[in-house]
Amino acid sequence: MADATESADTVAGGDAADKKSGVKPTAEQVPDGQSNGELTATSGRGKNTTMTEEEQENRRRKRLELNRKAAQESRRRKKLRIEELQRSVVYLTRENCELREQNELLRQMLTADVASENSALIDRFQAENAALRLALYESVQKLMKQNPGAADVAVSNALNGGAGAVNPGPGGRDPLGPGAHGGGPG
């Protein structure tokens, strides 16, 4: 019985170890009775199919041709991708340059606006200051007409920015009015 099992395990001149390891016999290992140019190959599903050397060569050529076409298509796609990336680099570089120029122009405009705004504010404050000085002068002139003795003190205080003591005028009133010197009535 062991002889029958051993002969069943032998495939085209191989032994049971070859079958288990998946080693396929070469043309030299095939017995003379089977050597008509056919080779036994196992397909992916484990079925034995018989192919001639010519069929195997045709399959190999077909596989190589498909592989060559796939590689060529892969190279073509890679070339297109690189060209697209190069166009993107050119476009983005140009856009970056334009945005930098626009940014610089806006910065210059902002600086000019701030300078002109500052200049306008300075002019406005100077005009307000002149108007306030005129109003102060007119108030002092009015006080001098009303109270000639207190006019000297009011003028010196107005010119000194309110520094110094103010002598109250007649009736104990400050000639410039309450709170005119930063303090209260004197």
N, C-alpha and C. Protein backbone atom coordinates (compact mmCIF):
# COMPACT_ATOMS: atom_id res chain seq x y z
N MET A 1 0.82 -1.18 0.00
CA MET A 1 0.00 0.00 0.00
C MET A 1 0.87 1.24 0.00
N ALA A 2 1.99 1.21 0.65
CA ALA A 2 2.90 2.34 0.66
C ALA A 2 3.41 2.62 -0.73
N ASP A 3 3.59 1.57 -1.58
CA ASP A 3 4.06 1.76 -2.95
C ASP A 3 3.03 2.51 -3.78
N ALA A 4 1.76 2.25 -3.56
CA ALA A 4 0.69 2.93 -4.32
C ALA A 4 0.63 4.41 -3.94
N THR A 5 0.80 4.71 -2.69
CA THR A 5 0.78 6.11 -2.24
C THR A 5 1.98 6.85 -2.79
N GLU A 6 3.12 6.17 -2.79
CA GLU A 6 4.33 6.81 -3.29
C GLU A 6 4.22 7.09 -4.77
N SER A 7 3.67 6.19 -5.56
CA SER A 7 3.54 6.42 -6.99
C SER A 7 2.50 7.50 -7.27
N ALA A 8 1.49 7.63 -6.43
CA ALA A 8 0.48 8.69 -6.62
C ALA A 8 1.08 10.05 -6.29
N ASP A 9 2.00 10.08 -5.35
CA ASP A 9 2.61 11.34 -4.96
C ASP A 9 3.64 11.82 -5.97
N THR A 10 4.14 10.93 -6.81
CA THR A 10 5.16 11.33 -7.78
C THR A 10 4.46 11.99 -8.95
N VAL A 11 4.92 13.15 -9.28
CA VAL A 11 4.32 13.89 -10.39
C VAL A 11 5.41 14.16 -11.40
N ALA A 12 5.25 13.61 -12.56
CA ALA A 12 6.17 13.84 -13.69
C ALA A 12 7.62 13.70 -13.27
N GLY A 13 7.94 12.67 -12.55
CA GLY A 13 9.32 12.38 -12.21
C GLY A 13 9.75 13.04 -10.92
N GLY A 14 8.91 13.80 -10.24
CA GLY A 14 9.28 14.43 -8.98
C GLY A 14 8.88 13.53 -7.84
N ASP A 15 9.09 13.94 -6.63
CA ASP A 15 8.68 13.14 -5.50
C ASP A 15 7.68 13.93 -4.67
N ALA A 16 7.22 13.37 -3.59
CA ALA A 16 6.20 14.00 -2.74
C ALA A 16 6.72 15.31 -2.15
N ALA A 17 8.00 15.41 -1.86
CA ALA A 17 8.57 16.63 -1.30
C ALA A 17 8.47 17.77 -2.31
N ASP A 18 8.67 17.46 -3.60
CA ASP A 18 8.55 18.49 -4.63
C ASP A 18 7.12 19.00 -4.72
N LYS A 19 6.15 18.11 -4.60
CA LYS A 19 4.75 18.52 -4.69
C LYS A 19 4.39 19.41 -3.51
N LYS A 20 4.84 19.04 -2.32
CA LYS A 20 4.53 19.84 -1.14
C LYS A 20 5.23 21.19 -1.17
N SER A 21 6.42 21.27 -1.70
CA SER A 21 7.16 22.53 -1.72
C SER A 21 6.73 23.42 -2.88
N GLY A 22 5.95 22.90 -3.82
CA GLY A 22 5.49 23.71 -4.93
C GLY A 22 6.49 23.78 -6.06
N VAL A 23 7.54 22.95 -6.06
CA VAL A 23 8.54 22.96 -7.11
C VAL A 23 7.96 22.24 -8.31
N LYS A 24 8.02 22.88 -9.47
CA LYS A 24 7.48 22.28 -10.69
C LYS A 24 8.61 21.60 -11.43
N PRO A 25 8.33 20.46 -12.05
CA PRO A 25 9.40 19.74 -12.77
C PRO A 25 9.78 20.49 -14.04
N THR A 26 11.05 20.41 -14.40
CA THR A 26 11.53 21.01 -15.63
C THR A 26 11.36 20.01 -16.75
N ALA A 27 11.67 20.45 -17.96
CA ALA A 27 11.51 19.56 -19.12
C ALA A 27 12.40 18.34 -19.00
N GLU A 28 13.56 18.46 -18.35
CA GLU A 28 14.46 17.33 -18.21
C GLU A 28 13.92 16.30 -17.23
N GLN A 29 13.07 16.72 -16.26
CA GLN A 29 12.57 15.81 -15.24
C GLN A 29 11.35 15.03 -15.71
N VAL A 30 10.75 15.43 -16.81
CA VAL A 30 9.53 14.76 -17.30
C VAL A 30 9.94 13.43 -17.93
N PRO A 31 9.22 12.36 -17.60
CA PRO A 31 9.57 11.05 -18.21
C PRO A 31 9.41 11.08 -19.73
N ASP A 32 10.10 10.15 -20.41
CA ASP A 32 10.14 10.14 -21.86
C ASP A 32 8.75 10.04 -22.48
N GLY A 33 7.84 9.37 -21.84
CA GLY A 33 6.51 9.18 -22.39
C GLY A 33 5.72 10.48 -22.47
N GLN A 34 6.08 11.47 -21.69
CA GLN A 34 5.33 12.73 -21.65
C GLN A 34 6.08 13.87 -22.34
N SER A 35 7.21 13.64 -22.91
CA SER A 35 8.07 14.69 -23.43
C SER A 35 7.71 15.08 -24.86
N ASN A 36 6.49 15.47 -25.10
CA ASN A 36 6.07 15.89 -26.44
C ASN A 36 6.00 17.42 -26.54
N GLY A 37 6.77 18.13 -25.75
CA GLY A 37 6.78 19.59 -25.79
C GLY A 37 5.76 20.20 -24.85
N GLU A 38 5.06 19.41 -24.08
CA GLU A 38 4.07 19.93 -23.16
C GLU A 38 4.67 20.01 -21.77
N LEU A 39 4.31 21.05 -21.06
CA LEU A 39 4.72 21.19 -19.68
C LEU A 39 3.47 21.30 -18.84
N THR A 40 3.53 20.79 -17.64
CA THR A 40 2.40 20.89 -16.74
C THR A 40 2.62 22.12 -15.87
N ALA A 41 1.64 22.99 -15.84
CA ALA A 41 1.74 24.17 -15.01
C ALA A 41 0.51 24.24 -14.13
N THR A 42 0.67 24.80 -12.98
CA THR A 42 -0.44 24.94 -12.06
C THR A 42 -0.96 26.37 -12.17
N SER A 43 -2.26 26.50 -12.41
CA SER A 43 -2.82 27.85 -12.48
C SER A 43 -3.01 28.37 -11.07
N GLY A 44 -3.44 29.60 -10.95
CA GLY A 44 -3.60 30.23 -9.65
C GLY A 44 -4.63 29.54 -8.77
N ARG A 45 -5.53 28.74 -9.35
CA ARG A 45 -6.58 28.08 -8.56
C ARG A 45 -6.21 26.63 -8.21
N GLY A 46 -5.02 26.22 -8.54
CA GLY A 46 -4.57 24.90 -8.17
C GLY A 46 -4.91 23.82 -9.18
N LYS A 47 -5.49 24.19 -10.32
CA LYS A 47 -5.81 23.20 -11.35
C LYS A 47 -4.58 23.00 -12.24
N ASN A 48 -4.35 21.79 -12.61
CA ASN A 48 -3.24 21.51 -13.51
C ASN A 48 -3.68 21.76 -14.94
N THR A 49 -2.91 22.54 -15.67
CA THR A 49 -3.19 22.78 -17.08
C THR A 49 -1.96 22.39 -17.87
N THR A 50 -2.18 21.91 -19.04
CA THR A 50 -1.07 21.48 -19.88
C THR A 50 -0.85 22.53 -20.95
N MET A 51 0.40 23.09 -21.02
CA MET A 51 0.74 24.11 -22.01
C MET A 51 2.01 23.71 -22.73
N THR A 52 2.07 24.07 -23.96
CA THR A 52 3.30 23.82 -24.71
C THR A 52 4.28 24.94 -24.40
N GLU A 53 5.50 24.75 -24.76
CA GLU A 53 6.52 25.78 -24.53
C GLU A 53 6.18 27.03 -25.32
N GLU A 54 5.61 26.84 -26.48
CA GLU A 54 5.23 27.98 -27.33
C GLU A 54 4.13 28.81 -26.64
N GLU A 55 3.15 28.13 -26.04
CA GLU A 55 2.09 28.85 -25.33
C GLU A 55 2.66 29.63 -24.13
N GLN A 56 3.57 28.97 -23.43
CA GLN A 56 4.20 29.66 -22.30
C GLN A 56 4.98 30.88 -22.77
N GLU A 57 5.69 30.73 -23.89
CA GLU A 57 6.45 31.86 -24.43
C GLU A 57 5.51 32.98 -24.86
N ASN A 58 4.38 32.61 -25.46
CA ASN A 58 3.38 33.63 -25.85
C ASN A 58 2.83 34.35 -24.61
N ARG A 59 2.54 33.61 -23.58
CA ARG A 59 2.06 34.22 -22.33
C ARG A 59 3.12 35.17 -21.76
N ARG A 60 4.36 34.73 -21.79
CA ARG A 60 5.45 35.55 -21.27
C ARG A 60 5.58 36.84 -22.08
N ARG A 61 5.54 36.70 -23.43
CA ARG A 61 5.62 37.89 -24.29
C ARG A 61 4.45 38.85 -24.03
N LYS A 62 3.27 38.28 -23.89
CA LYS A 62 2.08 39.10 -23.62
C LYS A 62 2.23 39.83 -22.28
N ARG A 63 2.69 39.11 -21.28
CA ARG A 63 2.89 39.71 -19.96
C ARG A 63 3.93 40.83 -20.02
N LEU A 64 5.05 40.59 -20.75
CA LEU A 64 6.08 41.60 -20.90
C LEU A 64 5.55 42.83 -21.65
N GLU A 65 4.75 42.57 -22.69
CA GLU A 65 4.19 43.69 -23.46
C GLU A 65 3.24 44.52 -22.59
N LEU A 66 2.39 43.85 -21.83
CA LEU A 66 1.48 44.58 -20.93
C LEU A 66 2.26 45.37 -19.88
N ASN A 67 3.31 44.74 -19.37
CA ASN A 67 4.16 45.42 -18.39
C ASN A 67 4.83 46.64 -19.03
N ARG A 68 5.31 46.49 -20.24
CA ARG A 68 5.96 47.59 -20.96
C ARG A 68 4.96 48.75 -21.16
N LYS A 69 3.72 48.40 -21.58
CA LYS A 69 2.70 49.43 -21.78
C LYS A 69 2.33 50.12 -20.47
N ALA A 70 2.22 49.35 -19.41
CA ALA A 70 1.90 49.93 -18.10
C ALA A 70 3.01 50.87 -17.64
N ALA A 71 4.26 50.46 -17.84
CA ALA A 71 5.39 51.31 -17.47
C ALA A 71 5.40 52.59 -18.31
N GLN A 72 5.11 52.44 -19.60
CA GLN A 72 5.07 53.61 -20.48
C GLN A 72 3.95 54.56 -20.04
N GLU A 73 2.80 54.04 -19.72
CA GLU A 73 1.67 54.87 -19.25
C GLU A 73 2.03 55.54 -17.92
N SER A 74 2.70 54.81 -17.05
CA SER A 74 3.12 55.38 -15.78
C SER A 74 4.10 56.54 -16.00
N ARG A 75 5.05 56.36 -16.92
CA ARG A 75 5.99 57.43 -17.23
C ARG A 75 5.27 58.64 -17.83
N ARG A 76 4.27 58.38 -18.70
CA ARG A 76 3.51 59.47 -19.31
C ARG A 76 2.75 60.26 -18.24
N ARG A 77 2.09 59.55 -17.32
CA ARG A 77 1.35 60.22 -16.24
C ARG A 77 2.30 61.01 -15.35
N LYS A 78 3.48 60.44 -15.06
CA LYS A 78 4.47 61.14 -14.24
C LYS A 78 4.94 62.41 -14.94
N LYS A 79 5.17 62.32 -16.25
CA LYS A 79 5.61 63.48 -17.02
C LYS A 79 4.53 64.56 -16.98
N LEU A 80 3.26 64.18 -17.16
CA LEU A 80 2.16 65.15 -17.10
C LEU A 80 2.06 65.80 -15.72
N ARG A 81 2.23 64.99 -14.69
CA ARG A 81 2.17 65.50 -13.32
C ARG A 81 3.30 66.50 -13.07
N ILE A 82 4.50 66.19 -13.56
CA ILE A 82 5.64 67.09 -13.39
C ILE A 82 5.41 68.39 -14.16
N GLU A 83 4.88 68.28 -15.39
CA GLU A 83 4.60 69.48 -16.17
C GLU A 83 3.56 70.35 -15.47
N GLU A 84 2.54 69.72 -14.91
CA GLU A 84 1.51 70.48 -14.18
C GLU A 84 2.11 71.15 -12.95
N LEU A 85 2.98 70.45 -12.24
CA LEU A 85 3.64 71.05 -11.09
C LEU A 85 4.53 72.22 -11.51
N GLN A 86 5.21 72.09 -12.63
CA GLN A 86 6.05 73.18 -13.12
C GLN A 86 5.21 74.40 -13.48
N ARG A 87 4.05 74.16 -14.13
CA ARG A 87 3.14 75.28 -14.43
C ARG A 87 2.65 75.92 -13.14
N SER A 88 2.35 75.10 -12.15
CA SER A 88 1.89 75.63 -10.86
C SER A 88 2.98 76.48 -10.21
N VAL A 89 4.22 76.03 -10.29
CA VAL A 89 5.34 76.79 -9.71
C VAL A 89 5.45 78.15 -10.39
N VAL A 90 5.36 78.17 -11.71
CA VAL A 90 5.46 79.43 -12.45
C VAL A 90 4.31 80.35 -12.06
N TYR A 91 3.08 79.81 -12.05
CA TYR A 91 1.90 80.61 -11.72
C TYR A 91 1.99 81.15 -10.29
N LEU A 92 2.31 80.27 -9.34
CA LEU A 92 2.37 80.69 -7.94
C LEU A 92 3.51 81.66 -7.68
N THR A 93 4.63 81.49 -8.37
CA THR A 93 5.74 82.43 -8.23
C THR A 93 5.33 83.81 -8.73
N ARG A 94 4.67 83.84 -9.89
CA ARG A 94 4.20 85.11 -10.44
C ARG A 94 3.17 85.75 -9.50
N GLU A 95 2.23 84.95 -9.01
CA GLU A 95 1.21 85.48 -8.10
C GLU A 95 1.85 86.00 -6.80
N ASN A 96 2.82 85.28 -6.29
CA ASN A 96 3.52 85.69 -5.07
C ASN A 96 4.21 87.03 -5.29
N CYS A 97 4.86 87.19 -6.43
CA CYS A 97 5.55 88.45 -6.76
C CYS A 97 4.54 89.59 -6.84
N GLU A 98 3.41 89.36 -7.51
CA GLU A 98 2.38 90.40 -7.62
C GLU A 98 1.83 90.77 -6.24
N LEU A 99 1.59 89.78 -5.41
CA LEU A 99 1.07 90.05 -4.07
C LEU A 99 2.08 90.80 -3.21
N ARG A 100 3.35 90.49 -3.37
CA ARG A 100 4.38 91.22 -2.63
C ARG A 100 4.42 92.69 -3.06
N GLU A 101 4.33 92.92 -4.39
CA GLU A 101 4.31 94.30 -4.89
C GLU A 101 3.08 95.04 -4.37
N GLN A 102 1.93 94.37 -4.41
CA GLN A 102 0.70 94.99 -3.92
C GLN A 102 0.82 95.28 -2.42
N ASN A 103 1.39 94.37 -1.68
CA ASN A 103 1.59 94.56 -0.25
C ASN A 103 2.47 95.78 0.01
N GLU A 104 3.57 95.89 -0.74
CA GLU A 104 4.47 97.03 -0.56
C GLU A 104 3.77 98.34 -0.91
N LEU A 105 2.99 98.35 -1.99
CA LEU A 105 2.25 99.55 -2.38
C LEU A 105 1.26 99.96 -1.29
N LEU A 106 0.54 98.98 -0.74
CA LEU A 106 -0.42 99.27 0.33
C LEU A 106 0.29 99.79 1.58
N ARG A 107 1.45 99.23 1.88
CA ARG A 107 2.22 99.72 3.03
C ARG A 107 2.63 101.18 2.82
N GLN A 108 3.08 101.49 1.61
CA GLN A 108 3.47 102.88 1.32
C GLN A 108 2.27 103.81 1.41
N MET A 109 1.13 103.36 0.88
CA MET A 109 -0.08 104.18 0.96
C MET A 109 -0.50 104.40 2.41
N LEU A 110 -0.41 103.35 3.20
CA LEU A 110 -0.78 103.45 4.61
C LEU A 110 0.16 104.42 5.33
N THR A 111 1.44 104.32 5.06
CA THR A 111 2.41 105.23 5.67
C THR A 111 2.12 106.67 5.25
N ALA A 112 1.83 106.87 3.97
CA ALA A 112 1.51 108.22 3.48
C ALA A 112 0.21 108.72 4.11
N ASP A 113 -0.79 107.84 4.23
CA ASP A 113 -2.06 108.22 4.85
C ASP A 113 -1.86 108.60 6.30
N VAL A 114 -1.05 107.82 7.01
CA VAL A 114 -0.80 108.11 8.42
C VAL A 114 -0.07 109.44 8.55
N ALA A 115 0.91 109.66 7.68
CA ALA A 115 1.65 110.92 7.72
C ALA A 115 0.73 112.10 7.40
N SER A 116 -0.11 111.95 6.37
CA SER A 116 -1.02 113.05 6.03
C SER A 116 -2.08 113.23 7.11
N GLU A 117 -2.52 112.11 7.69
CA GLU A 117 -3.50 112.20 8.78
C GLU A 117 -2.87 112.90 9.99
N ASN A 118 -1.63 112.53 10.31
CA ASN A 118 -0.93 113.19 11.41
C ASN A 118 -0.77 114.68 11.12
N SER A 119 -0.41 114.99 9.89
CA SER A 119 -0.26 116.38 9.50
C SER A 119 -1.58 117.12 9.64
N ALA A 120 -2.67 116.49 9.21
CA ALA A 120 -3.99 117.11 9.32
C ALA A 120 -4.36 117.32 10.79
N LEU A 121 -4.06 116.33 11.64
CA LEU A 121 -4.35 116.47 13.07
C LEU A 121 -3.53 117.60 13.69
N ILE A 122 -2.27 117.67 13.31
CA ILE A 122 -1.41 118.75 13.84
C ILE A 122 -1.98 120.11 13.43
N ASP A 123 -2.36 120.22 12.15
CA ASP A 123 -2.94 121.48 11.68
C ASP A 123 -4.22 121.82 12.44
N ARG A 124 -5.07 120.82 12.66
CA ARG A 124 -6.32 121.04 13.39
C ARG A 124 -6.06 121.49 14.83
N PHE A 125 -5.12 120.79 15.48
CA PHE A 125 -4.81 121.15 16.88
C PHE A 125 -4.20 122.55 16.96
N GLN A 126 -3.36 122.89 15.99
CA GLN A 126 -2.78 124.23 15.99
C GLN A 126 -3.87 125.29 15.78
N ALA A 127 -4.83 124.97 14.91
CA ALA A 127 -5.94 125.91 14.68
C ALA A 127 -6.78 126.05 15.95
N GLU A 128 -7.06 124.90 16.60
CA GLU A 128 -7.84 124.95 17.84
C GLU A 128 -7.07 125.72 18.92
N ASN A 129 -5.77 125.49 18.98
CA ASN A 129 -4.94 126.18 19.96
C ASN A 129 -4.98 127.69 19.72
N ALA A 130 -4.89 128.08 18.46
CA ALA A 130 -4.94 129.51 18.14
C ALA A 130 -6.30 130.09 18.51
N ALA A 131 -7.37 129.30 18.24
CA ALA A 131 -8.71 129.79 18.59
C ALA A 131 -8.85 129.92 20.10
N LEU A 132 -8.32 128.94 20.83
CA LEU A 132 -8.39 129.01 22.30
C LEU A 132 -7.57 130.18 22.84
N ARG A 133 -6.42 130.45 22.27
CA ARG A 133 -5.61 131.60 22.70
C ARG A 133 -6.35 132.91 22.44
N LEU A 134 -7.00 132.96 21.30
CA LEU A 134 -7.76 134.16 20.97
C LEU A 134 -8.91 134.34 21.96
N ALA A 135 -9.61 133.22 22.25
CA ALA A 135 -10.72 133.28 23.21
C ALA A 135 -10.20 133.69 24.58
N LEU A 136 -9.06 133.17 24.98
CA LEU A 136 -8.46 133.53 26.26
C LEU A 136 -8.10 135.01 26.27
N TYR A 137 -7.51 135.46 25.22
CA TYR A 137 -7.13 136.87 25.13
C TYR A 137 -8.35 137.77 25.24
N GLU A 138 -9.41 137.38 24.51
CA GLU A 138 -10.64 138.18 24.55
C GLU A 138 -11.25 138.18 25.95
N SER A 139 -11.20 137.00 26.63
CA SER A 139 -11.74 136.92 28.00
C SER A 139 -10.94 137.81 28.94
N VAL A 140 -9.63 137.80 28.80
CA VAL A 140 -8.77 138.63 29.64
C VAL A 140 -9.07 140.10 29.38
N GLN A 141 -9.24 140.45 28.12
CA GLN A 141 -9.55 141.84 27.78
C GLN A 141 -10.89 142.27 28.40
N LYS A 142 -11.86 141.39 28.38
CA LYS A 142 -13.16 141.67 28.96
C LYS A 142 -13.05 141.86 30.46
N LEU A 143 -12.25 140.98 31.11
CA LEU A 143 -12.05 141.08 32.56
C LEU A 143 -11.34 142.39 32.93
N MET A 144 -10.39 142.77 32.10
CA MET A 144 -9.65 143.99 32.40
C MET A 144 -10.58 145.20 32.35
N LYS A 145 -11.54 145.16 31.47
CA LYS A 145 -12.49 146.26 31.40
C LYS A 145 -13.41 146.25 32.61
N GLN A 146 -13.75 145.04 33.09
CA GLN A 146 -14.65 144.93 34.22
C GLN A 146 -13.94 145.19 35.54
N ASN A 147 -12.72 144.74 35.68
CA ASN A 147 -12.00 144.82 36.94
C ASN A 147 -10.54 145.16 36.64
N PRO A 148 -10.19 146.39 36.55
CA PRO A 148 -8.84 146.76 36.15
C PRO A 148 -7.76 146.27 37.13
N GLY A 149 -7.98 146.12 38.40
CA GLY A 149 -6.96 145.70 39.35
C GLY A 149 -6.62 144.22 39.24
N ALA A 150 -7.56 143.40 38.89
CA ALA A 150 -7.35 141.96 38.82
C ALA A 150 -6.80 141.53 37.48
N ALA A 151 -6.74 142.43 36.55
CA ALA A 151 -6.31 142.07 35.20
C ALA A 151 -4.86 141.65 35.17
N ASP A 152 -3.99 142.29 35.94
CA ASP A 152 -2.58 141.93 35.93
C ASP A 152 -2.37 140.50 36.41
N VAL A 153 -3.05 140.13 37.48
CA VAL A 153 -2.93 138.77 38.03
C VAL A 153 -3.49 137.76 37.04
N ALA A 154 -4.61 138.07 36.41
CA ALA A 154 -5.24 137.15 35.47
C ALA A 154 -4.36 136.95 34.26
N VAL A 155 -3.74 138.01 33.78
CA VAL A 155 -2.87 137.90 32.61
C VAL A 155 -1.65 137.05 32.95
N SER A 156 -1.03 137.28 34.11
CA SER A 156 0.15 136.49 34.46
C SER A 156 -0.21 135.03 34.68
N ASN A 157 -1.35 134.79 35.30
CA ASN A 157 -1.78 133.40 35.49
C ASN A 157 -2.10 132.73 34.16
N ALA A 158 -2.73 133.43 33.28
CA ALA A 158 -3.08 132.86 31.97
C ALA A 158 -1.81 132.55 31.18
N LEU A 159 -0.84 133.44 31.28
CA LEU A 159 0.41 133.22 30.55
C LEU A 159 1.26 132.14 31.19
N ASN A 160 1.15 131.95 32.50
CA ASN A 160 1.92 130.92 33.20
C ASN A 160 1.17 129.60 33.28
N GLY A 161 0.09 129.49 32.61
CA GLY A 161 -0.67 128.24 32.62
C GLY A 161 -1.38 128.03 33.92
N GLY A 162 -1.76 129.09 34.62
CA GLY A 162 -2.52 128.94 35.85
C GLY A 162 -1.66 128.77 37.07
N ALA A 163 -0.33 128.94 36.96
CA ALA A 163 0.54 128.77 38.11
C ALA A 163 0.49 130.02 38.97
N GLY A 164 0.68 129.83 40.25
CA GLY A 164 0.70 130.97 41.17
C GLY A 164 -0.67 131.18 41.79
N ALA A 165 -0.67 131.95 42.82
CA ALA A 165 -1.92 132.20 43.53
C ALA A 165 -2.67 133.32 42.85
N VAL A 166 -3.95 133.23 42.93
CA VAL A 166 -4.79 134.26 42.35
C VAL A 166 -5.42 135.03 43.48
N ASN A 167 -5.27 136.33 43.40
CA ASN A 167 -5.91 137.16 44.41
C ASN A 167 -7.36 137.34 44.01
N PRO A 168 -8.23 137.02 44.92
CA PRO A 168 -9.63 137.20 44.55
C PRO A 168 -9.94 138.67 44.31
N GLY A 169 -10.77 138.87 43.42
CA GLY A 169 -11.20 140.23 43.11
C GLY A 169 -12.20 140.71 44.13
N PRO A 170 -12.84 141.81 43.87
CA PRO A 170 -13.81 142.34 44.81
C PRO A 170 -14.91 141.32 45.05
N GLY A 171 -15.29 141.16 46.25
CA GLY A 171 -16.34 140.20 46.62
C GLY A 171 -15.80 138.80 46.78
N GLY A 172 -14.47 138.58 46.77
CA GLY A 172 -13.87 137.27 47.00
C GLY A 172 -14.01 136.32 45.83
N ARG A 173 -14.25 136.84 44.66
CA ARG A 173 -14.40 135.97 43.49
C ARG A 173 -13.11 135.94 42.67
N ASP A 174 -12.88 134.78 42.06
CA ASP A 174 -11.74 134.64 41.14
C ASP A 174 -12.10 135.37 39.85
N PRO A 175 -11.24 136.27 39.37
CA PRO A 175 -11.58 137.02 38.17
C PRO A 175 -11.72 136.14 36.92
N LEU A 176 -11.08 134.96 36.89
CA LEU A 176 -11.19 134.08 35.72
C LEU A 176 -12.33 133.08 35.87
N GLY A 177 -12.96 133.02 37.01
CA GLY A 177 -14.07 132.11 37.19
C GLY A 177 -13.65 130.90 38.00
N PRO A 178 -14.63 130.19 38.53
CA PRO A 178 -14.32 129.01 39.35
C PRO A 178 -13.69 127.91 38.51
N GLY A 179 -12.66 127.25 39.06
CA GLY A 179 -12.01 126.11 38.40
C GLY A 179 -11.12 126.50 37.26
N ALA A 180 -10.86 127.77 37.04
CA ALA A 180 -10.04 128.20 35.92
C ALA A 180 -8.57 127.87 36.13
N HIS A 181 -8.15 127.62 37.36
CA HIS A 181 -6.73 127.38 37.62
C HIS A 181 -6.45 125.94 38.02
N GLY A 182 -7.39 125.09 37.87
CA GLY A 182 -7.15 123.70 38.25
C GLY A 182 -7.51 123.46 39.69
N GLY A 183 -7.67 124.43 40.50
CA GLY A 183 -8.06 124.28 41.91
C GLY A 183 -9.51 124.70 42.04
N GLY A 184 -9.92 125.01 43.17
CA GLY A 184 -11.29 125.49 43.39
C GLY A 184 -11.25 126.99 43.54
N PRO A 185 -12.29 127.57 44.02
CA PRO A 185 -12.28 129.00 44.28
C PRO A 185 -11.26 129.32 45.34
N GLY A 186 -10.61 130.48 45.23
CA GLY A 186 -9.50 130.81 46.08
C GLY A 186 -9.87 131.46 47.27
